[in-house]
Amino acid sequence: MKILVTGFDPFGGEAINPSMEAVLALPSKIGDATLIKVILPTKFREAGEILMREIEAHQPDAVVSIGQAGGRSAITPERVAVNLRDASIPDNGGVQPTDETIFPEAPTAYFATLPIKKIVATLKEAGIPATISNTAGTFVCNEVMYTVLHEAAQKRPAMTAGFIHIPFTEEQAAKKPEGTPFLTKEVILQGIITALKVVSMEQ
């Protein structure tokens, strides 16, 4: 089987994006699954367009997108993506939409089709902080999640998909106010590998 795994480039003034670093550090295979690793730009529309081209090129069995959610203290698989662009900061192209739909006349929301409860349970068993999140926000992360789930619903019902948010790294948190939550790069990477193992076994 093939799993397409995506991360993002740095955004919002950050020097790094732990999703990009973790995705690039992943092995080429996990169990019987071959990983296809792609770094997306943190840009509305363009990120989704690139992802759709990669899906068409590789025909993956599953798509797992990774992004940063600074301020969270755990690895958080997302339950739902909404058909909305509403940005509190500009993306990396300077675009800052307000109350825009991603796809006109498409459903209001899609639920992830990844085994998110099994992922969280397995992460916790491994001693890695994890919880389900019920909001992927309304920035580019949500748009990528919504775009791939819309593609699956319309054209690829056998393809599972979803999104996992990860916290700041220790390096990032050191530059934030005292008490800002973080996970080490090693824990983040191990968490993503563990989640991908679950996806490969449940596919």
Protein backbone atom coordinates (compact mmCIF):
# COMPACT_ATOMS: atom_id res chain seq x y z
CA MET A 1 0.00 0.00 0.00
CA LYS A 2 0.97 3.64 -0.40
CA ILE A 3 0.51 6.45 2.13
CA LEU A 4 0.94 10.03 0.98
CA VAL A 5 2.26 12.09 3.92
CA THR A 6 2.38 15.87 3.76
CA GLY A 7 3.92 18.61 5.89
CA PHE A 8 4.08 22.40 5.54
CA ASP A 9 6.83 24.96 5.18
CA PRO A 10 7.35 27.49 8.03
CA PHE A 11 4.71 30.20 8.43
CA GLY A 12 3.61 32.94 10.78
CA GLY A 13 7.13 34.20 11.40
CA GLU A 14 8.48 30.83 12.57
CA ALA A 15 11.96 29.80 11.43
CA ILE A 16 10.97 26.13 11.26
CA ASN A 17 7.88 24.02 10.87
CA PRO A 18 8.07 20.75 12.81
CA SER A 19 5.64 19.13 10.38
CA MET A 20 8.12 19.64 7.53
CA GLU A 21 11.05 18.41 9.61
CA ALA A 22 9.19 15.33 10.79
CA VAL A 23 7.88 14.38 7.35
CA LEU A 24 11.33 14.69 5.80
CA ALA A 25 12.78 12.54 8.61
CA LEU A 26 10.32 9.69 8.05
CA PRO A 27 11.60 6.40 6.62
CA SER A 28 10.63 5.43 3.09
CA LYS A 29 8.59 2.48 4.37
CA ILE A 30 6.62 1.68 7.49
CA GLY A 31 5.65 -1.97 7.64
CA ASP A 32 4.15 -2.87 4.28
CA ALA A 33 3.38 0.76 3.46
CA THR A 34 5.50 2.86 1.12
CA LEU A 35 5.54 6.52 2.14
CA ILE A 36 5.31 9.33 -0.39
CA LYS A 37 6.54 12.49 1.32
CA VAL A 38 5.47 15.94 0.13
CA ILE A 39 6.03 19.41 1.61
CA LEU A 40 3.21 21.82 0.83
CA PRO A 41 3.40 25.62 0.79
CA THR A 42 1.39 27.33 3.52
CA LYS A 43 -0.77 29.02 0.91
CA PHE A 44 -4.49 28.89 0.32
CA ARG A 45 -5.51 27.19 -2.94
CA GLU A 46 -1.92 26.34 -3.96
CA ALA A 47 -1.47 23.78 -1.17
CA GLY A 48 -4.64 21.95 -2.20
CA GLU A 49 -3.80 22.10 -5.89
CA ILE A 50 -0.36 20.57 -5.30
CA LEU A 51 -1.86 17.88 -3.09
CA MET A 52 -4.39 16.95 -5.78
CA ARG A 53 -1.60 16.60 -8.36
CA GLU A 54 0.35 14.34 -6.01
CA ILE A 55 -2.72 12.18 -5.40
CA GLU A 56 -3.32 11.87 -9.12
CA ALA A 57 0.33 10.98 -9.73
CA HIS A 58 0.70 8.39 -6.96
CA GLN A 59 -2.83 7.02 -6.40
CA PRO A 60 -2.29 6.52 -2.64
CA ASP A 61 -4.41 4.29 -0.45
CA ALA A 62 -4.31 6.86 2.35
CA VAL A 63 -3.38 10.52 2.80
CA VAL A 64 -2.11 11.76 6.16
CA SER A 65 -1.40 15.48 6.37
CA ILE A 66 0.63 16.92 9.23
CA GLY A 67 0.60 20.52 10.44
CA GLN A 68 1.63 22.66 13.38
CA ALA A 69 -0.84 23.91 15.99
CA GLY A 70 1.21 26.03 18.34
CA GLY A 71 -0.18 26.11 21.86
CA ARG A 72 -1.37 22.52 21.91
CA SER A 73 0.36 20.11 24.24
CA ALA A 74 -0.39 16.83 22.46
CA ILE A 75 -0.51 15.19 19.05
CA THR A 76 -4.05 15.79 17.87
CA PRO A 77 -5.71 13.91 15.00
CA GLU A 78 -8.51 16.07 13.61
CA ARG A 79 -12.08 14.82 13.53
CA VAL A 80 -13.61 17.29 11.06
CA ALA A 81 -12.75 19.79 8.32
CA VAL A 82 -15.08 22.66 7.38
CA ASN A 83 -15.76 24.30 4.04
CA LEU A 84 -14.37 27.68 5.09
CA ARG A 85 -11.38 29.95 4.68
CA ASP A 86 -11.10 32.53 7.46
CA ALA A 87 -7.57 33.57 8.34
CA SER A 88 -6.39 35.54 11.37
CA ILE A 89 -2.97 35.97 9.71
CA PRO A 90 -1.90 36.08 6.05
CA ASP A 91 -0.66 32.90 4.44
CA ASN A 92 2.83 32.76 2.94
CA GLY A 93 1.55 34.45 -0.19
CA GLY A 94 0.08 37.36 1.74
CA VAL A 95 -3.49 36.13 1.26
CA GLN A 96 -5.88 36.55 4.19
CA PRO A 97 -9.41 35.45 3.25
CA THR A 98 -12.46 36.13 5.39
CA ASP A 99 -15.58 33.95 5.39
CA GLU A 100 -14.89 32.29 2.02
CA THR A 101 -16.05 28.82 1.06
CA ILE A 102 -13.38 26.46 -0.23
CA PHE A 103 -15.69 24.75 -2.72
CA PRO A 104 -19.01 26.48 -3.46
CA GLU A 105 -22.05 24.19 -3.15
CA ALA A 106 -19.95 21.48 -1.49
CA PRO A 107 -20.89 20.06 1.94
CA THR A 108 -20.38 22.19 5.02
CA ALA A 109 -17.97 19.68 6.54
CA TYR A 110 -16.35 16.27 6.18
CA PHE A 111 -15.30 13.87 8.91
CA ALA A 112 -11.84 12.30 8.77
CA THR A 113 -11.79 8.73 7.53
CA LEU A 114 -8.53 7.84 9.30
CA PRO A 115 -8.90 5.63 12.40
CA ILE A 116 -8.40 8.62 14.71
CA LYS A 117 -9.56 6.93 17.95
CA LYS A 118 -7.24 3.99 17.34
CA ILE A 119 -4.39 6.40 16.58
CA VAL A 120 -4.93 8.28 19.84
CA ALA A 121 -5.24 5.09 21.88
CA THR A 122 -2.04 3.67 20.36
CA LEU A 123 -0.13 6.89 20.95
CA LYS A 124 -1.22 6.95 24.59
CA GLU A 125 -0.19 3.33 25.02
CA ALA A 126 3.25 4.35 23.77
CA GLY A 127 3.42 7.16 26.33
CA ILE A 128 2.96 9.92 23.76
CA PRO A 129 0.48 12.71 24.63
CA ALA A 130 -2.48 12.52 22.25
CA THR A 131 -6.11 13.53 22.02
CA ILE A 132 -8.74 13.97 19.31
CA SER A 133 -9.27 17.55 18.18
CA ASN A 134 -12.67 18.76 17.00
CA THR A 135 -11.38 21.80 15.15
CA ALA A 136 -8.74 21.99 12.46
CA GLY A 137 -9.17 25.76 12.41
CA THR A 138 -9.96 27.74 9.26
CA PHE A 139 -6.41 28.29 7.97
CA VAL A 140 -4.49 26.31 5.34
CA CYS A 141 -4.38 23.12 7.46
CA ASN A 142 -8.16 22.91 7.42
CA GLU A 143 -8.25 23.67 3.71
CA VAL A 144 -5.86 20.81 2.92
CA MET A 145 -7.88 18.42 5.07
CA TYR A 146 -11.18 19.50 3.51
CA THR A 147 -9.76 19.34 -0.02
CA VAL A 148 -8.52 15.76 0.28
CA LEU A 149 -11.71 14.55 1.97
CA HIS A 150 -13.79 16.23 -0.73
CA GLU A 151 -11.69 14.46 -3.38
CA ALA A 152 -12.17 11.14 -1.60
CA ALA A 153 -15.91 11.64 -1.22
CA GLN A 154 -16.37 12.62 -4.85
CA LYS A 155 -13.93 10.35 -6.68
CA ARG A 156 -11.91 8.01 -4.43
CA PRO A 157 -14.12 6.31 -1.84
CA ALA A 158 -11.46 3.69 -1.04
CA MET A 159 -8.87 6.33 -0.10
CA THR A 160 -8.78 7.18 3.61
CA ALA A 161 -7.62 10.63 4.65
CA GLY A 162 -7.24 13.03 7.51
CA PHE A 163 -5.03 15.50 9.33
CA ILE A 164 -2.84 15.41 12.43
CA HIS A 165 -1.73 18.55 14.26
CA ILE A 166 1.48 18.60 16.27
CA PRO A 167 2.71 21.11 18.91
CA PHE A 168 5.66 23.47 18.93
CA THR A 169 9.08 21.89 19.37
CA GLU A 170 11.29 22.72 22.35
CA GLU A 171 13.33 25.01 20.10
CA GLN A 172 10.23 27.04 19.21
CA ALA A 173 8.78 27.09 22.72
CA ALA A 174 12.05 28.50 24.10
CA LYS A 175 11.29 31.71 22.20
CA LYS A 176 7.72 31.91 23.48
CA PRO A 177 6.31 32.98 26.86
CA GLU A 178 7.25 30.73 29.77
CA GLY A 179 4.99 27.70 30.01
CA THR A 180 4.30 27.42 26.28
CA PRO A 181 3.64 23.71 25.66
CA PHE A 182 5.86 21.68 23.35
CA LEU A 183 7.01 18.20 22.45
CA THR A 184 10.55 17.27 21.47
CA LYS A 185 11.31 16.58 17.83
CA GLU A 186 12.03 12.96 18.74
CA VAL A 187 8.62 12.48 20.36
CA ILE A 188 6.85 14.19 17.46
CA LEU A 189 8.60 11.97 14.94
CA GLN A 190 7.88 8.82 16.94
CA GLY A 191 4.26 9.90 17.27
CA ILE A 192 3.85 10.33 13.53
CA ILE A 193 5.51 6.98 12.84
CA THR A 194 3.18 5.33 15.36
CA ALA A 195 0.13 6.96 13.75
CA LEU A 196 1.23 5.84 10.29
CA LYS A 197 1.68 2.28 11.53
CA VAL A 198 -1.94 2.33 12.71
CA VAL A 199 -3.09 3.69 9.34
CA SER A 200 -1.16 0.99 7.48
CA MET A 201 -2.63 -1.78 9.62
CA GLU A 202 -6.20 -0.47 9.45
CA GLN A 203 -6.22 0.23 5.70
